[in-house]
Amino acid sequence: KTDFINFISDQEWKSIEPVSSWFGPSSFLMSSMSALFQLSMWIRHCHSYLTENVGIPVWGSYALFALATLFMGLILGLVSEALQTD
């Protein structure tokens, strides 16, 4: 509490540089980070559902996510190749 009061009364806040626009809450970078965090929470929810409700073992859930990752990479690579050849 004392440090905060001294920070205000001594006007130390004037010497602090503002946050760059890249790191502002509404910037593209922070919006992308938020989307990745939401994706990770969705993946975690899916993992919990598969292991707790469906009864798939943990290693089976990991294998499904690994296969899905490989499949998505394959699809994105094929789409990228198709767009480059046109």
N, C-alpha and C. Protein backbone atom coordinates (compact mmCIF):
# COMPACT_ATOMS: atom_id res chain seq x y z
N LYS A 1 0.82 -1.18 0.00
CA LYS A 1 0.00 0.00 0.00
C LYS A 1 0.87 1.25 0.00
N THR A 2 1.91 1.23 0.80
CA THR A 2 2.80 2.39 0.90
C THR A 2 3.51 2.64 -0.42
N ASP A 3 3.96 1.57 -1.07
CA ASP A 3 4.63 1.72 -2.36
C ASP A 3 3.71 2.34 -3.40
N PHE A 4 2.44 1.95 -3.38
CA PHE A 4 1.49 2.51 -4.35
C PHE A 4 1.26 4.00 -4.07
N ILE A 5 1.11 4.35 -2.82
CA ILE A 5 0.91 5.77 -2.46
C ILE A 5 2.13 6.59 -2.86
N ASN A 6 3.32 6.06 -2.60
CA ASN A 6 4.55 6.77 -3.01
C ASN A 6 4.65 6.88 -4.53
N PHE A 7 4.22 5.85 -5.22
CA PHE A 7 4.23 5.86 -6.69
C PHE A 7 3.37 7.01 -7.22
N ILE A 8 2.22 7.24 -6.61
CA ILE A 8 1.32 8.31 -7.03
C ILE A 8 1.82 9.66 -6.56
N SER A 9 2.17 9.77 -5.29
CA SER A 9 2.56 11.08 -4.74
C SER A 9 3.88 11.58 -5.31
N ASP A 10 4.81 10.69 -5.61
CA ASP A 10 6.10 11.10 -6.19
C ASP A 10 6.02 11.23 -7.71
N GLN A 11 4.86 10.98 -8.27
CA GLN A 11 4.60 11.05 -9.71
C GLN A 11 5.57 10.19 -10.52
N GLU A 12 5.87 9.01 -9.99
CA GLU A 12 6.72 8.06 -10.71
C GLU A 12 6.01 7.51 -11.94
N TRP A 13 4.70 7.58 -11.98
CA TRP A 13 3.93 7.07 -13.11
C TRP A 13 4.23 7.83 -14.39
N LYS A 14 4.74 9.04 -14.28
CA LYS A 14 5.06 9.83 -15.48
C LYS A 14 6.26 9.26 -16.24
N SER A 15 7.13 8.55 -15.55
CA SER A 15 8.33 8.02 -16.19
C SER A 15 8.10 6.67 -16.89
N ILE A 16 6.92 6.10 -16.75
CA ILE A 16 6.63 4.80 -17.35
C ILE A 16 6.11 5.01 -18.77
N GLU A 17 6.69 4.27 -19.71
CA GLU A 17 6.26 4.37 -21.10
C GLU A 17 4.94 3.62 -21.29
N PRO A 18 4.04 4.15 -22.13
CA PRO A 18 2.78 3.44 -22.36
C PRO A 18 3.00 2.12 -23.09
N VAL A 19 2.05 1.24 -22.96
CA VAL A 19 2.10 -0.06 -23.62
C VAL A 19 2.00 0.15 -25.13
N SER A 20 2.82 -0.57 -25.88
CA SER A 20 2.79 -0.50 -27.33
C SER A 20 1.43 -0.93 -27.86
N SER A 21 1.04 -0.37 -28.99
CA SER A 21 -0.26 -0.73 -29.57
C SER A 21 -0.32 -2.21 -29.95
N TRP A 22 0.83 -2.82 -30.15
CA TRP A 22 0.88 -4.26 -30.47
C TRP A 22 0.33 -5.09 -29.32
N PHE A 23 0.50 -4.59 -28.11
CA PHE A 23 0.11 -5.36 -26.93
C PHE A 23 -1.18 -4.85 -26.29
N GLY A 24 -1.87 -3.95 -26.96
CA GLY A 24 -3.15 -3.45 -26.47
C GLY A 24 -4.20 -4.55 -26.51
N PRO A 25 -5.22 -4.47 -25.67
CA PRO A 25 -6.22 -5.54 -25.61
C PRO A 25 -6.99 -5.76 -26.91
N SER A 26 -7.12 -4.74 -27.73
CA SER A 26 -7.89 -4.90 -28.96
C SER A 26 -7.00 -5.08 -30.20
N SER A 27 -5.71 -5.29 -29.99
CA SER A 27 -4.80 -5.45 -31.13
C SER A 27 -4.97 -6.83 -31.76
N PHE A 28 -4.49 -6.96 -32.98
CA PHE A 28 -4.56 -8.24 -33.69
C PHE A 28 -3.79 -9.32 -32.93
N LEU A 29 -2.63 -8.96 -32.39
CA LEU A 29 -1.80 -9.93 -31.67
C LEU A 29 -2.54 -10.48 -30.45
N MET A 30 -3.13 -9.60 -29.67
CA MET A 30 -3.82 -10.06 -28.46
C MET A 30 -5.12 -10.79 -28.80
N SER A 31 -5.79 -10.39 -29.87
CA SER A 31 -6.98 -11.11 -30.31
C SER A 31 -6.62 -12.52 -30.76
N SER A 32 -5.49 -12.65 -31.44
CA SER A 32 -5.01 -13.97 -31.87
C SER A 32 -4.65 -14.84 -30.67
N MET A 33 -4.00 -14.24 -29.69
CA MET A 33 -3.64 -14.98 -28.48
C MET A 33 -4.90 -15.45 -27.75
N SER A 34 -5.92 -14.60 -27.73
CA SER A 34 -7.18 -14.97 -27.09
C SER A 34 -7.83 -16.13 -27.83
N ALA A 35 -7.80 -16.09 -29.16
CA ALA A 35 -8.38 -17.18 -29.95
C ALA A 35 -7.64 -18.49 -29.71
N LEU A 36 -6.31 -18.42 -29.60
CA LEU A 36 -5.53 -19.64 -29.31
C LEU A 36 -5.85 -20.18 -27.92
N PHE A 37 -6.04 -19.28 -26.96
CA PHE A 37 -6.39 -19.72 -25.62
C PHE A 37 -7.76 -20.39 -25.62
N GLN A 38 -8.72 -19.80 -26.34
CA GLN A 38 -10.04 -20.40 -26.42
C GLN A 38 -9.98 -21.76 -27.12
N LEU A 39 -9.15 -21.88 -28.14
CA LEU A 39 -8.98 -23.17 -28.82
C LEU A 39 -8.40 -24.20 -27.86
N SER A 40 -7.42 -23.80 -27.07
CA SER A 40 -6.82 -24.75 -26.12
C SER A 40 -7.84 -25.19 -25.07
N MET A 41 -8.72 -24.28 -24.65
CA MET A 41 -9.76 -24.67 -23.69
C MET A 41 -10.76 -25.64 -24.33
N TRP A 42 -11.08 -25.41 -25.61
CA TRP A 42 -11.99 -26.32 -26.32
C TRP A 42 -11.36 -27.70 -26.45
N ILE A 43 -10.07 -27.75 -26.78
CA ILE A 43 -9.36 -29.04 -26.90
C ILE A 43 -9.34 -29.75 -25.55
N ARG A 44 -9.11 -29.00 -24.48
CA ARG A 44 -9.10 -29.58 -23.14
C ARG A 44 -10.48 -30.15 -22.81
N HIS A 45 -11.54 -29.41 -23.17
CA HIS A 45 -12.90 -29.88 -22.92
C HIS A 45 -13.16 -31.18 -23.71
N CYS A 46 -12.74 -31.20 -24.97
CA CYS A 46 -12.92 -32.41 -25.80
C CYS A 46 -12.16 -33.59 -25.20
N HIS A 47 -10.94 -33.36 -24.74
CA HIS A 47 -10.14 -34.42 -24.12
C HIS A 47 -10.86 -34.97 -22.89
N SER A 48 -11.37 -34.07 -22.05
CA SER A 48 -12.09 -34.51 -20.85
C SER A 48 -13.34 -35.30 -21.22
N TYR A 49 -14.06 -34.84 -22.22
CA TYR A 49 -15.27 -35.54 -22.65
C TYR A 49 -14.93 -36.94 -23.16
N LEU A 50 -13.88 -37.03 -23.99
CA LEU A 50 -13.50 -38.32 -24.55
C LEU A 50 -13.05 -39.30 -23.47
N THR A 51 -12.31 -38.81 -22.48
CA THR A 51 -11.78 -39.73 -21.46
C THR A 51 -12.80 -40.04 -20.37
N GLU A 52 -13.63 -39.06 -19.99
CA GLU A 52 -14.56 -39.28 -18.88
C GLU A 52 -15.91 -39.84 -19.33
N ASN A 53 -16.46 -39.32 -20.42
CA ASN A 53 -17.81 -39.73 -20.83
C ASN A 53 -17.80 -40.88 -21.83
N VAL A 54 -16.90 -40.83 -22.79
CA VAL A 54 -16.86 -41.87 -23.82
C VAL A 54 -16.07 -43.08 -23.33
N GLY A 55 -15.11 -42.86 -22.46
CA GLY A 55 -14.33 -43.96 -21.91
C GLY A 55 -13.07 -44.30 -22.67
N ILE A 56 -12.64 -43.41 -23.55
CA ILE A 56 -11.40 -43.62 -24.30
C ILE A 56 -10.23 -43.40 -23.34
N PRO A 57 -9.22 -44.28 -23.38
CA PRO A 57 -8.06 -44.04 -22.52
C PRO A 57 -7.33 -42.76 -22.90
N VAL A 58 -6.57 -42.23 -21.97
CA VAL A 58 -5.86 -40.96 -22.20
C VAL A 58 -4.97 -41.06 -23.43
N TRP A 59 -4.24 -42.16 -23.57
CA TRP A 59 -3.35 -42.30 -24.72
C TRP A 59 -4.15 -42.34 -26.02
N GLY A 60 -5.38 -42.88 -25.97
CA GLY A 60 -6.23 -42.90 -27.15
C GLY A 60 -6.68 -41.51 -27.56
N SER A 61 -6.98 -40.69 -26.55
CA SER A 61 -7.36 -39.31 -26.84
C SER A 61 -6.18 -38.55 -27.46
N TYR A 62 -5.00 -38.76 -26.90
CA TYR A 62 -3.80 -38.11 -27.47
C TYR A 62 -3.56 -38.58 -28.90
N ALA A 63 -3.78 -39.86 -29.15
CA ALA A 63 -3.60 -40.38 -30.51
C ALA A 63 -4.60 -39.76 -31.47
N LEU A 64 -5.86 -39.59 -31.03
CA LEU A 64 -6.86 -38.95 -31.88
C LEU A 64 -6.47 -37.50 -32.22
N PHE A 65 -5.99 -36.77 -31.21
CA PHE A 65 -5.58 -35.38 -31.46
C PHE A 65 -4.34 -35.33 -32.36
N ALA A 66 -3.43 -36.30 -32.20
CA ALA A 66 -2.25 -36.34 -33.07
C ALA A 66 -2.65 -36.61 -34.51
N LEU A 67 -3.56 -37.56 -34.70
CA LEU A 67 -4.04 -37.85 -36.06
C LEU A 67 -4.80 -36.67 -36.65
N ALA A 68 -5.59 -36.00 -35.85
CA ALA A 68 -6.32 -34.82 -36.33
C ALA A 68 -5.34 -33.71 -36.73
N THR A 69 -4.27 -33.55 -35.95
CA THR A 69 -3.25 -32.54 -36.28
C THR A 69 -2.56 -32.88 -37.60
N LEU A 70 -2.19 -34.14 -37.77
CA LEU A 70 -1.55 -34.56 -39.02
C LEU A 70 -2.50 -34.40 -40.21
N PHE A 71 -3.76 -34.76 -40.02
CA PHE A 71 -4.74 -34.64 -41.08
C PHE A 71 -4.96 -33.18 -41.48
N MET A 72 -5.06 -32.30 -40.48
CA MET A 72 -5.24 -30.86 -40.77
C MET A 72 -4.01 -30.31 -41.50
N GLY A 73 -2.82 -30.75 -41.11
CA GLY A 73 -1.61 -30.32 -41.81
C GLY A 73 -1.61 -30.78 -43.25
N LEU A 74 -2.06 -32.01 -43.47
CA LEU A 74 -2.15 -32.55 -44.83
C LEU A 74 -3.13 -31.73 -45.67
N ILE A 75 -4.30 -31.47 -45.12
CA ILE A 75 -5.32 -30.70 -45.83
C ILE A 75 -4.81 -29.28 -46.13
N LEU A 76 -4.24 -28.62 -45.13
CA LEU A 76 -3.72 -27.26 -45.35
C LEU A 76 -2.59 -27.25 -46.38
N GLY A 77 -1.74 -28.27 -46.35
CA GLY A 77 -0.68 -28.37 -47.36
C GLY A 77 -1.23 -28.56 -48.76
N LEU A 78 -2.24 -29.41 -48.89
CA LEU A 78 -2.85 -29.63 -50.20
C LEU A 78 -3.54 -28.38 -50.71
N VAL A 79 -4.23 -27.68 -49.84
CA VAL A 79 -4.90 -26.44 -50.23
C VAL A 79 -3.87 -25.39 -50.63
N SER A 80 -2.81 -25.29 -49.87
CA SER A 80 -1.74 -24.33 -50.18
C SER A 80 -1.10 -24.65 -51.54
N GLU A 81 -0.85 -25.92 -51.80
CA GLU A 81 -0.26 -26.34 -53.07
C GLU A 81 -1.22 -26.05 -54.22
N ALA A 82 -2.50 -26.32 -54.01
CA ALA A 82 -3.48 -26.07 -55.06
C ALA A 82 -3.59 -24.58 -55.37
N LEU A 83 -3.49 -23.74 -54.35
CA LEU A 83 -3.56 -22.30 -54.59
C LEU A 83 -2.32 -21.77 -55.30
N GLN A 84 -1.17 -22.38 -55.06
CA GLN A 84 0.07 -21.94 -55.70
C GLN A 84 0.14 -22.34 -57.16
N THR A 85 -0.48 -23.46 -57.52
CA THR A 85 -0.40 -23.91 -58.90
C THR A 85 -1.41 -23.22 -59.82
N ASP A 86 -2.42 -22.58 -59.23
CA ASP A 86 -3.42 -21.88 -60.06
C ASP A 86 -2.94 -20.56 -60.57
